Amino acid sequence: MPSSTNPIILPKKNRTVVTVVDSRLNSTNWKLYIKYINPMMENTGKVLIDSLLFKKFNNEEILLKTNKNLIYESNDNGGNVSISNITFSTDKGLFLKPSKDLLENEDYSTLIIWSIEA
């Protein structure tokens, strides 16, 4: 069942938590990025172009591509070890926004890359 019908956006069942441990002595802000390697594909090679959406905490929506997108920026930890649990609730984070009709009983997949840069 879609959570939105115009455009169609499929809901998430669970929240997504990204945990980052920063133990650098000379810390600076770090940035969390997301991208994918290939478009969503099913087993016989059918491709869903522009079908992955990321909704940031400020409700900005980003259509994911193979280039990285900034989705979160930390605060300086003052040189202390810090653990950050970045929690994307069921209405934030990564969503499937099909660019065309999905085929019934087909599995689509891609590889999502989360990266951190300081």
N, C-alpha and C. Protein backbone atom coordinates (compact mmCIF):
# COMPACT_ATOMS: atom_id res chain seq x y z
N MET A 1 0.85 -1.19 0.00
CA MET A 1 0.00 0.00 0.00
C MET A 1 0.88 1.24 0.00
N PRO A 2 0.66 2.13 -0.95
CA PRO A 2 1.46 3.36 -0.97
C PRO A 2 1.10 4.29 0.19
N SER A 3 2.07 5.06 0.68
CA SER A 3 1.80 6.07 1.69
C SER A 3 1.43 7.39 1.03
N SER A 4 1.72 7.51 -0.25
CA SER A 4 1.34 8.66 -1.05
C SER A 4 0.98 8.14 -2.43
N THR A 5 -0.05 8.71 -3.05
CA THR A 5 -0.44 8.22 -4.37
C THR A 5 -0.11 9.20 -5.49
N ASN A 6 0.26 10.42 -5.17
CA ASN A 6 0.62 11.38 -6.21
C ASN A 6 1.79 12.23 -5.74
N PRO A 7 3.02 11.82 -5.91
CA PRO A 7 3.48 10.61 -6.58
C PRO A 7 3.33 9.39 -5.67
N ILE A 8 3.44 8.21 -6.26
CA ILE A 8 3.37 6.99 -5.46
C ILE A 8 4.67 6.85 -4.67
N ILE A 9 4.53 6.75 -3.34
CA ILE A 9 5.68 6.52 -2.46
C ILE A 9 5.31 5.36 -1.56
N LEU A 10 6.16 4.35 -1.52
CA LEU A 10 5.89 3.18 -0.69
C LEU A 10 6.43 3.41 0.71
N PRO A 11 5.65 3.08 1.75
CA PRO A 11 6.04 3.37 3.13
C PRO A 11 7.12 2.41 3.64
N LYS A 12 7.74 2.81 4.76
CA LYS A 12 8.70 1.96 5.45
C LYS A 12 8.00 1.33 6.64
N LYS A 13 8.39 0.11 6.98
CA LYS A 13 7.83 -0.55 8.16
C LYS A 13 8.58 -0.17 9.43
N ASN A 14 9.88 0.10 9.30
CA ASN A 14 10.71 0.34 10.48
C ASN A 14 11.53 1.61 10.32
N ARG A 15 11.95 2.14 11.44
CA ARG A 15 12.86 3.28 11.41
C ARG A 15 14.25 2.80 11.00
N THR A 16 15.08 3.70 10.56
CA THR A 16 16.46 3.39 10.19
C THR A 16 17.38 4.12 11.16
N VAL A 17 18.31 3.40 11.76
CA VAL A 17 19.26 4.02 12.69
C VAL A 17 20.67 3.82 12.15
N VAL A 18 21.39 4.93 12.00
CA VAL A 18 22.79 4.89 11.60
C VAL A 18 23.60 5.31 12.83
N THR A 19 24.49 4.44 13.30
CA THR A 19 25.31 4.73 14.48
C THR A 19 26.73 5.05 14.04
N VAL A 20 27.22 6.20 14.53
CA VAL A 20 28.58 6.64 14.20
C VAL A 20 29.32 6.86 15.51
N VAL A 21 30.49 6.22 15.65
CA VAL A 21 31.36 6.43 16.80
C VAL A 21 32.53 7.29 16.33
N ASP A 22 32.67 8.47 16.94
CA ASP A 22 33.75 9.40 16.59
C ASP A 22 34.72 9.46 17.76
N SER A 23 35.90 8.89 17.58
CA SER A 23 36.90 8.87 18.65
C SER A 23 38.18 9.61 18.25
N ARG A 24 38.06 10.50 17.28
CA ARG A 24 39.23 11.26 16.83
C ARG A 24 39.64 12.27 17.89
N LEU A 25 40.97 12.44 18.11
CA LEU A 25 41.45 13.41 19.09
C LEU A 25 41.19 14.84 18.63
N ASN A 26 41.44 15.11 17.36
CA ASN A 26 41.23 16.44 16.80
C ASN A 26 39.99 16.39 15.91
N SER A 27 38.86 16.36 16.55
CA SER A 27 37.62 16.16 15.79
C SER A 27 37.18 17.42 15.06
N THR A 28 36.47 17.19 14.01
CA THR A 28 35.79 18.24 13.26
C THR A 28 34.40 17.69 12.95
N ASN A 29 33.55 18.54 12.43
CA ASN A 29 32.23 18.05 12.01
C ASN A 29 32.42 16.99 10.95
N TRP A 30 31.57 15.98 10.96
CA TRP A 30 31.57 14.98 9.91
C TRP A 30 30.24 15.04 9.18
N LYS A 31 30.24 14.53 7.97
CA LYS A 31 29.05 14.58 7.12
C LYS A 31 28.69 13.17 6.67
N LEU A 32 27.39 12.87 6.69
CA LEU A 32 26.89 11.57 6.25
C LEU A 32 26.27 11.74 4.86
N TYR A 33 26.70 10.88 3.94
CA TYR A 33 26.22 10.91 2.56
C TYR A 33 25.56 9.59 2.21
N ILE A 34 24.72 9.62 1.17
CA ILE A 34 24.10 8.40 0.66
C ILE A 34 24.09 8.46 -0.87
N LYS A 35 24.24 7.29 -1.49
CA LYS A 35 24.13 7.16 -2.95
C LYS A 35 23.84 5.70 -3.25
N TYR A 36 23.59 5.38 -4.50
CA TYR A 36 23.48 3.98 -4.88
C TYR A 36 24.43 3.70 -6.02
N ILE A 37 24.70 2.41 -6.24
CA ILE A 37 25.65 2.00 -7.29
C ILE A 37 24.96 1.91 -8.64
N ASN A 38 23.84 1.21 -8.70
CA ASN A 38 23.08 1.02 -9.94
C ASN A 38 21.62 1.35 -9.68
N PRO A 39 20.86 1.68 -10.73
CA PRO A 39 19.42 1.85 -10.53
C PRO A 39 18.79 0.56 -10.02
N MET A 40 17.58 0.66 -9.50
CA MET A 40 16.85 -0.53 -9.04
C MET A 40 16.61 -1.44 -10.24
N MET A 41 17.00 -2.72 -10.11
CA MET A 41 16.83 -3.69 -11.18
C MET A 41 16.19 -4.95 -10.65
N GLU A 42 15.43 -5.62 -11.52
CA GLU A 42 14.91 -6.93 -11.14
C GLU A 42 15.71 -7.99 -11.88
N ASN A 43 15.44 -9.25 -11.57
CA ASN A 43 16.29 -10.36 -12.03
C ASN A 43 16.47 -10.45 -13.54
N THR A 44 15.47 -10.09 -14.34
CA THR A 44 15.62 -10.20 -15.79
C THR A 44 16.19 -8.93 -16.41
N GLY A 45 16.57 -7.97 -15.57
CA GLY A 45 17.23 -6.76 -16.09
C GLY A 45 16.33 -5.56 -16.26
N LYS A 46 15.05 -5.65 -15.93
CA LYS A 46 14.17 -4.48 -16.02
C LYS A 46 14.62 -3.47 -14.97
N VAL A 47 14.70 -2.20 -15.35
CA VAL A 47 15.29 -1.15 -14.52
C VAL A 47 14.24 -0.13 -14.11
N LEU A 48 14.31 0.30 -12.85
CA LEU A 48 13.50 1.41 -12.36
C LEU A 48 14.42 2.62 -12.24
N ILE A 49 14.30 3.55 -13.16
CA ILE A 49 15.12 4.76 -13.16
C ILE A 49 14.50 5.76 -12.17
N ASP A 50 15.33 6.51 -11.46
CA ASP A 50 14.88 7.58 -10.56
C ASP A 50 13.78 7.11 -9.62
N SER A 51 14.01 6.00 -8.93
CA SER A 51 12.98 5.42 -8.07
C SER A 51 13.34 5.39 -6.59
N LEU A 52 14.49 5.94 -6.22
CA LEU A 52 14.86 6.00 -4.81
C LEU A 52 14.83 7.44 -4.33
N LEU A 53 14.10 7.65 -3.25
CA LEU A 53 13.89 8.98 -2.69
C LEU A 53 14.42 8.99 -1.26
N PHE A 54 15.09 10.08 -0.87
CA PHE A 54 15.51 10.24 0.52
C PHE A 54 14.86 11.50 1.06
N LYS A 55 14.14 11.36 2.18
CA LYS A 55 13.48 12.49 2.83
C LYS A 55 14.28 12.86 4.07
N LYS A 56 14.87 14.08 4.05
CA LYS A 56 15.72 14.53 5.14
C LYS A 56 14.86 14.99 6.33
N PHE A 57 15.53 15.27 7.46
CA PHE A 57 14.82 15.69 8.66
C PHE A 57 14.00 16.96 8.44
N ASN A 58 14.46 17.86 7.56
CA ASN A 58 13.74 19.11 7.27
C ASN A 58 12.68 18.92 6.19
N ASN A 59 12.38 17.67 5.85
CA ASN A 59 11.39 17.27 4.83
C ASN A 59 11.82 17.53 3.40
N GLU A 60 13.05 17.97 3.19
CA GLU A 60 13.58 18.11 1.82
C GLU A 60 13.66 16.71 1.22
N GLU A 61 13.19 16.57 0.00
CA GLU A 61 13.23 15.29 -0.69
C GLU A 61 14.31 15.32 -1.76
N ILE A 62 15.15 14.28 -1.75
CA ILE A 62 16.25 14.15 -2.70
C ILE A 62 16.02 12.89 -3.51
N LEU A 63 16.03 13.02 -4.82
CA LEU A 63 15.99 11.85 -5.69
C LEU A 63 17.41 11.31 -5.78
N LEU A 64 17.63 10.09 -5.30
CA LEU A 64 18.98 9.55 -5.25
C LEU A 64 19.48 9.17 -6.63
N LYS A 65 20.78 9.35 -6.79
CA LYS A 65 21.50 9.02 -8.02
C LYS A 65 22.79 8.31 -7.63
N THR A 66 23.69 8.15 -8.58
CA THR A 66 24.98 7.52 -8.30
C THR A 66 25.97 8.50 -7.68
N ASN A 67 25.66 9.81 -7.69
CA ASN A 67 26.52 10.77 -7.01
C ASN A 67 26.03 10.91 -5.57
N LYS A 68 26.95 11.18 -4.64
CA LYS A 68 26.59 11.23 -3.23
C LYS A 68 25.77 12.47 -2.90
N ASN A 69 24.87 12.30 -1.92
CA ASN A 69 24.01 13.37 -1.44
C ASN A 69 24.20 13.53 0.06
N LEU A 70 24.42 14.77 0.51
CA LEU A 70 24.57 15.05 1.94
C LEU A 70 23.20 14.92 2.61
N ILE A 71 23.14 14.10 3.67
CA ILE A 71 21.86 13.92 4.35
C ILE A 71 21.91 14.29 5.82
N TYR A 72 23.13 14.45 6.39
CA TYR A 72 23.24 14.79 7.80
C TYR A 72 24.63 15.35 8.07
N GLU A 73 24.71 16.35 8.97
CA GLU A 73 26.01 16.89 9.38
C GLU A 73 26.06 16.94 10.90
N SER A 74 27.17 16.46 11.47
CA SER A 74 27.32 16.38 12.92
C SER A 74 27.76 17.71 13.51
N ASN A 75 27.83 17.72 14.84
CA ASN A 75 28.43 18.82 15.58
C ASN A 75 29.79 18.38 16.06
N ASP A 76 30.68 19.32 16.31
CA ASP A 76 32.01 19.03 16.83
C ASP A 76 31.87 18.37 18.20
N ASN A 77 32.63 17.31 18.44
CA ASN A 77 32.53 16.62 19.73
C ASN A 77 33.57 17.10 20.74
N GLY A 78 34.31 18.14 20.41
CA GLY A 78 35.26 18.72 21.34
C GLY A 78 36.42 17.81 21.71
N GLY A 79 36.70 16.82 20.87
CA GLY A 79 37.80 15.90 21.14
C GLY A 79 37.42 14.75 22.05
N ASN A 80 36.17 14.69 22.47
CA ASN A 80 35.70 13.58 23.31
C ASN A 80 35.09 12.50 22.43
N VAL A 81 35.20 11.25 22.89
CA VAL A 81 34.57 10.16 22.16
C VAL A 81 33.05 10.39 22.18
N SER A 82 32.43 10.31 21.03
CA SER A 82 30.98 10.50 20.98
C SER A 82 30.35 9.40 20.12
N ILE A 83 29.14 9.03 20.51
CA ILE A 83 28.35 8.06 19.76
C ILE A 83 27.10 8.77 19.29
N SER A 84 26.90 8.81 17.98
CA SER A 84 25.73 9.46 17.40
C SER A 84 24.82 8.40 16.81
N ASN A 85 23.58 8.38 17.25
CA ASN A 85 22.56 7.51 16.68
C ASN A 85 21.63 8.39 15.86
N ILE A 86 21.81 8.38 14.56
CA ILE A 86 20.98 9.18 13.67
C ILE A 86 19.78 8.32 13.31
N THR A 87 18.60 8.73 13.77
CA THR A 87 17.41 7.91 13.62
C THR A 87 16.45 8.54 12.63
N PHE A 88 16.21 7.83 11.54
CA PHE A 88 15.24 8.25 10.54
C PHE A 88 13.96 7.47 10.81
N SER A 89 12.92 8.16 11.26
CA SER A 89 11.64 7.52 11.58
C SER A 89 11.00 6.97 10.30
N THR A 90 9.84 6.35 10.44
CA THR A 90 9.20 5.73 9.27
C THR A 90 8.76 6.75 8.23
N ASP A 91 8.71 8.04 8.59
CA ASP A 91 8.33 9.06 7.60
C ASP A 91 9.52 9.88 7.11
N LYS A 92 10.76 9.45 7.46
CA LYS A 92 11.99 10.10 7.00
C LYS A 92 12.94 9.02 6.51
N GLY A 93 13.90 9.42 5.71
CA GLY A 93 14.91 8.47 5.25
C GLY A 93 14.66 7.99 3.84
N LEU A 94 15.03 6.75 3.59
CA LEU A 94 15.01 6.16 2.26
C LEU A 94 13.65 5.56 1.93
N PHE A 95 13.11 5.91 0.75
CA PHE A 95 11.81 5.42 0.29
C PHE A 95 11.91 4.95 -1.15
N LEU A 96 11.01 4.10 -1.54
CA LEU A 96 10.87 3.68 -2.93
C LEU A 96 9.76 4.51 -3.56
N LYS A 97 10.12 5.21 -4.63
CA LYS A 97 9.18 6.05 -5.37
C LYS A 97 9.24 5.58 -6.82
N PRO A 98 8.45 4.55 -7.17
CA PRO A 98 8.57 3.95 -8.50
C PRO A 98 8.32 4.95 -9.62
N SER A 99 9.22 4.95 -10.60
CA SER A 99 9.07 5.84 -11.75
C SER A 99 8.12 5.24 -12.79
N LYS A 100 7.83 3.94 -12.64
CA LYS A 100 6.86 3.27 -13.51
C LYS A 100 6.25 2.14 -12.70
N ASP A 101 5.28 1.47 -13.27
CA ASP A 101 4.62 0.40 -12.54
C ASP A 101 5.60 -0.72 -12.19
N LEU A 102 5.48 -1.20 -10.97
CA LEU A 102 6.28 -2.33 -10.54
C LEU A 102 5.67 -3.62 -11.08
N LEU A 103 6.50 -4.58 -11.39
CA LEU A 103 6.00 -5.86 -11.84
C LEU A 103 5.63 -6.71 -10.64
N GLU A 104 4.47 -7.34 -10.68
CA GLU A 104 4.02 -8.16 -9.57
C GLU A 104 4.93 -9.37 -9.41
N ASN A 105 5.20 -9.71 -8.16
CA ASN A 105 6.03 -10.87 -7.81
C ASN A 105 7.47 -10.79 -8.34
N GLU A 106 7.98 -9.58 -8.50
CA GLU A 106 9.37 -9.39 -8.92
C GLU A 106 10.14 -8.72 -7.79
N ASP A 107 11.40 -9.08 -7.66
CA ASP A 107 12.28 -8.47 -6.66
C ASP A 107 13.21 -7.49 -7.35
N TYR A 108 13.21 -6.25 -6.87
CA TYR A 108 14.10 -5.22 -7.38
C TYR A 108 15.20 -4.99 -6.35
N SER A 109 16.41 -4.71 -6.81
CA SER A 109 17.49 -4.49 -5.86
C SER A 109 18.51 -3.50 -6.40
N THR A 110 19.28 -2.95 -5.47
CA THR A 110 20.42 -2.11 -5.77
C THR A 110 21.32 -2.14 -4.55
N LEU A 111 22.47 -1.49 -4.63
CA LEU A 111 23.39 -1.41 -3.51
C LEU A 111 23.44 0.04 -3.05
N ILE A 112 23.03 0.27 -1.80
CA ILE A 112 23.05 1.61 -1.21
C ILE A 112 24.38 1.79 -0.48
N ILE A 113 25.04 2.93 -0.70
CA ILE A 113 26.30 3.24 -0.05
C ILE A 113 26.11 4.42 0.89
N TRP A 114 26.37 4.19 2.17
CA TRP A 114 26.41 5.27 3.17
C TRP A 114 27.88 5.59 3.37
N SER A 115 28.25 6.86 3.39
CA SER A 115 29.65 7.22 3.61
C SER A 115 29.75 8.42 4.53
N ILE A 116 30.88 8.49 5.24
CA ILE A 116 31.14 9.58 6.18
C ILE A 116 32.41 10.27 5.74
N GLU A 117 32.37 11.60 5.75
CA GLU A 117 33.57 12.40 5.45
C GLU A 117 33.73 13.45 6.54
N ALA A 118 34.98 13.67 6.91
CA ALA A 118 35.26 14.68 7.93
C ALA A 118 35.95 15.87 7.31
